[in-house]
Amino acid sequence: FAAKHADEAVFISANWGLGKAVYCFSQGRMVLREPFWNYEGFEELKDYAYIENKHVYYIAVENPYPPSFPENTERILNDIDKLRLYGFREVGLESELEALKPIIRVRKFVLKE
């Protein structure tokens, strides 16, 4: 899935444990961000789309959260809804991602055109 969508999407790992595996499955082609390490706020999330020139965001979080940086994970998950203020809308997930629930929660946002 990650390899198939690498050219159109930014993948955001909201907590520790997902990023490297997903990056490997994309054959190193995807844009992966892991802001939970040192999360500075919503501007960081918003800038990913513009810096990378991508129109789709996937944000993933392992459920339950691993113990690394849980406060940053919560802030990221709260802030991601602010993308709506910048022209993004949340849309349904592809069946491959729906199948990951409840182990991994994924949300998808697309830039309105």
C-alpha atoms as a PDB file:
ATOM      1  CA  PHE A   1       0.000   0.000   0.000  1.00  0.00           C
ATOM      2  CA  ALA A   2       2.728   2.465   0.977  1.00  0.00           C
ATOM      3  CA  ALA A   3       4.658   1.838  -2.240  1.00  0.00           C
ATOM      4  CA  LYS A   4       1.525   2.241  -4.359  1.00  0.00           C
ATOM      5  CA  HIS A   5       0.701   5.641  -2.789  1.00  0.00           C
ATOM      6  CA  ALA A   6       4.226   6.978  -2.264  1.00  0.00           C
ATOM      7  CA  ASP A   7       4.037   9.548  -5.069  1.00  0.00           C
ATOM      8  CA  GLU A   8       0.835  11.217  -3.870  1.00  0.00           C
ATOM      9  CA  ALA A   9       0.906  11.080  -0.091  1.00  0.00           C
ATOM     10  CA  VAL A  10       2.683  12.142   3.052  1.00  0.00           C
ATOM     11  CA  PHE A  11       2.642   9.440   5.708  1.00  0.00           C
ATOM     12  CA  ILE A  12       2.787  10.656   9.298  1.00  0.00           C
ATOM     13  CA  SER A  13       3.550   8.324  12.150  1.00  0.00           C
ATOM     14  CA  ALA A  14       2.091   9.836  15.307  1.00  0.00           C
ATOM     15  CA  ASN A  15       3.971   7.485  17.619  1.00  0.00           C
ATOM     16  CA  TRP A  16       6.969   5.221  17.835  1.00  0.00           C
ATOM     17  CA  GLY A  17       6.912   1.806  16.224  1.00  0.00           C
ATOM     18  CA  LEU A  18       5.310   2.257  12.813  1.00  0.00           C
ATOM     19  CA  GLY A  19       7.501   4.450  10.678  1.00  0.00           C
ATOM     20  CA  LYS A  20      10.455   2.275   9.785  1.00  0.00           C
ATOM     21  CA  ALA A  21       8.356  -0.748   8.859  1.00  0.00           C
ATOM     22  CA  VAL A  22       6.062   1.318   6.634  1.00  0.00           C
ATOM     23  CA  TYR A  23       9.068   3.030   5.033  1.00  0.00           C
ATOM     24  CA  CYS A  24      10.599  -0.348   4.210  1.00  0.00           C
ATOM     25  CA  PHE A  25       7.334  -1.616   2.721  1.00  0.00           C
ATOM     26  CA  SER A  26       7.312   1.427   0.429  1.00  0.00           C
ATOM     27  CA  GLN A  27      10.736   0.387  -0.874  1.00  0.00           C
ATOM     28  CA  GLY A  28      12.107   3.677   0.434  1.00  0.00           C
ATOM     29  CA  ARG A  29       9.909   5.777  -1.862  1.00  0.00           C
ATOM     30  CA  MET A  30       7.431   7.340   0.530  1.00  0.00           C
ATOM     31  CA  VAL A  31       7.605  10.628   2.379  1.00  0.00           C
ATOM     32  CA  LEU A  32       7.524   9.624   6.034  1.00  0.00           C
ATOM     33  CA  ARG A  33       7.423  12.055   8.903  1.00  0.00           C
ATOM     34  CA  GLU A  34       7.699  11.158  12.580  1.00  0.00           C
ATOM     35  CA  PRO A  35       6.951  14.398  14.418  1.00  0.00           C
ATOM     36  CA  PHE A  36       6.381  12.710  17.786  1.00  0.00           C
ATOM     37  CA  TRP A  37      10.118  12.858  18.576  1.00  0.00           C
ATOM     38  CA  ASN A  38      10.144  16.630  19.042  1.00  0.00           C
ATOM     39  CA  TYR A  39       6.699  17.901  18.082  1.00  0.00           C
ATOM     40  CA  GLU A  40       6.596  21.684  17.816  1.00  0.00           C
ATOM     41  CA  GLY A  41       2.923  22.175  16.945  1.00  0.00           C
ATOM     42  CA  PHE A  42       0.432  22.307  14.116  1.00  0.00           C
ATOM     43  CA  GLU A  43       2.593  24.414  11.794  1.00  0.00           C
ATOM     44  CA  GLU A  44       4.889  21.429  11.508  1.00  0.00           C
ATOM     45  CA  LEU A  45       2.023  19.204  10.275  1.00  0.00           C
ATOM     46  CA  LYS A  46       0.691  21.830   7.899  1.00  0.00           C
ATOM     47  CA  ASP A  47       4.094  22.463   6.354  1.00  0.00           C
ATOM     48  CA  TYR A  48       4.603  18.819   5.360  1.00  0.00           C
ATOM     49  CA  ALA A  49       2.038  19.042   2.571  1.00  0.00           C
ATOM     50  CA  TYR A  50       3.468  22.233   1.127  1.00  0.00           C
ATOM     51  CA  ILE A  51       7.129  21.297   1.453  1.00  0.00           C
ATOM     52  CA  GLU A  52       6.579  17.911  -0.154  1.00  0.00           C
ATOM     53  CA  ASN A  53       3.940  19.135  -2.650  1.00  0.00           C
ATOM     54  CA  LYS A  54       1.562  16.325  -1.692  1.00  0.00           C
ATOM     55  CA  HIS A  55      -2.244  16.414  -1.581  1.00  0.00           C
ATOM     56  CA  VAL A  56      -2.943  13.421   0.645  1.00  0.00           C
ATOM     57  CA  TYR A  57      -2.074  12.876   4.299  1.00  0.00           C
ATOM     58  CA  TYR A  58      -2.203   9.532   6.061  1.00  0.00           C
ATOM     59  CA  ILE A  59      -1.719   9.737   9.791  1.00  0.00           C
ATOM     60  CA  ALA A  60      -1.205   6.495  11.657  1.00  0.00           C
ATOM     61  CA  VAL A  61      -0.982   5.639  15.325  1.00  0.00           C
ATOM     62  CA  GLU A  62      -0.380   2.328  17.000  1.00  0.00           C
ATOM     63  CA  ASN A  63      -3.127   1.359  19.426  1.00  0.00           C
ATOM     64  CA  PRO A  64      -2.463   1.344  22.329  1.00  0.00           C
ATOM     65  CA  TYR A  65       0.321   3.901  22.258  1.00  0.00           C
ATOM     66  CA  PRO A  66       3.836   2.744  23.026  1.00  0.00           C
ATOM     67  CA  PRO A  67       5.321   4.558  26.009  1.00  0.00           C
ATOM     68  CA  SER A  68       7.555   6.867  23.931  1.00  0.00           C
ATOM     69  CA  PHE A  69       6.384  10.498  23.827  1.00  0.00           C
ATOM     70  CA  PRO A  70       2.648   9.884  24.499  1.00  0.00           C
ATOM     71  CA  GLU A  71       2.043  13.591  25.139  1.00  0.00           C
ATOM     72  CA  ASN A  72       3.327  14.441  21.654  1.00  0.00           C
ATOM     73  CA  THR A  73       1.167  11.703  20.124  1.00  0.00           C
ATOM     74  CA  GLU A  74      -1.923  13.214  21.764  1.00  0.00           C
ATOM     75  CA  ARG A  75      -1.028  16.710  20.558  1.00  0.00           C
ATOM     76  CA  ILE A  76      -0.519  15.472  16.989  1.00  0.00           C
ATOM     77  CA  LEU A  77      -3.835  13.629  16.979  1.00  0.00           C
ATOM     78  CA  ASN A  78      -5.618  16.716  18.300  1.00  0.00           C
ATOM     79  CA  ASP A  79      -3.890  19.069  15.872  1.00  0.00           C
ATOM     80  CA  ILE A  80      -4.462  17.022  12.716  1.00  0.00           C
ATOM     81  CA  ASP A  81      -8.095  18.153  12.600  1.00  0.00           C
ATOM     82  CA  LYS A  82      -6.879  21.718  12.022  1.00  0.00           C
ATOM     83  CA  LEU A  83      -5.934  20.710   8.460  1.00  0.00           C
ATOM     84  CA  ARG A  84      -9.562  21.456   7.607  1.00  0.00           C
ATOM     85  CA  LEU A  85      -8.755  25.140   8.045  1.00  0.00           C
ATOM     86  CA  TYR A  86      -6.261  24.861   5.185  1.00  0.00           C
ATOM     87  CA  GLY A  87      -8.419  23.161   2.579  1.00  0.00           C
ATOM     88  CA  PHE A  88      -8.078  19.524   3.596  1.00  0.00           C
ATOM     89  CA  ARG A  89     -11.026  17.248   4.264  1.00  0.00           C
ATOM     90  CA  GLU A  90     -11.096  13.889   5.984  1.00  0.00           C
ATOM     91  CA  VAL A  91     -12.154  11.020   3.732  1.00  0.00           C
ATOM     92  CA  GLY A  92     -12.741   7.291   4.119  1.00  0.00           C
ATOM     93  CA  LEU A  93      -9.897   4.822   4.123  1.00  0.00           C
ATOM     94  CA  GLU A  94      -8.979   2.228   1.563  1.00  0.00           C
ATOM     95  CA  SER A  95      -9.905  -1.338   2.532  1.00  0.00           C
ATOM     96  CA  GLU A  96      -6.255  -2.266   3.152  1.00  0.00           C
ATOM     97  CA  LEU A  97      -6.039   0.349   5.897  1.00  0.00           C
ATOM     98  CA  GLU A  98      -9.457  -0.413   7.348  1.00  0.00           C
ATOM     99  CA  ALA A  99      -8.243  -3.965   7.879  1.00  0.00           C
ATOM    100  CA  LEU A 100      -5.497  -2.733  10.223  1.00  0.00           C
ATOM    101  CA  LYS A 101      -7.979  -1.597  12.865  1.00  0.00           C
ATOM    102  CA  PRO A 102      -7.952  -1.894  15.881  1.00  0.00           C
ATOM    103  CA  ILE A 103      -4.169  -2.477  16.011  1.00  0.00           C
ATOM    104  CA  ILE A 104      -3.304   0.614  13.979  1.00  0.00           C
ATOM    105  CA  ARG A 105      -5.576   3.617  13.614  1.00  0.00           C
ATOM    106  CA  VAL A 106      -5.243   5.527  10.357  1.00  0.00           C
ATOM    107  CA  ARG A 107      -6.924   8.727   9.189  1.00  0.00           C
ATOM    108  CA  LYS A 108      -6.789  10.143   5.673  1.00  0.00           C
ATOM    109  CA  PHE A 109      -7.005  13.802   4.667  1.00  0.00           C
ATOM    110  CA  VAL A 110      -7.163  15.068   1.079  1.00  0.00           C
ATOM    111  CA  LEU A 111      -6.643  18.611  -0.188  1.00  0.00           C
ATOM    112  CA  LYS A 112      -9.876  19.934  -1.688  1.00  0.00           C
ATOM    113  CA  GLU A 113      -9.540  20.938  -5.303  1.00  0.00           C
END
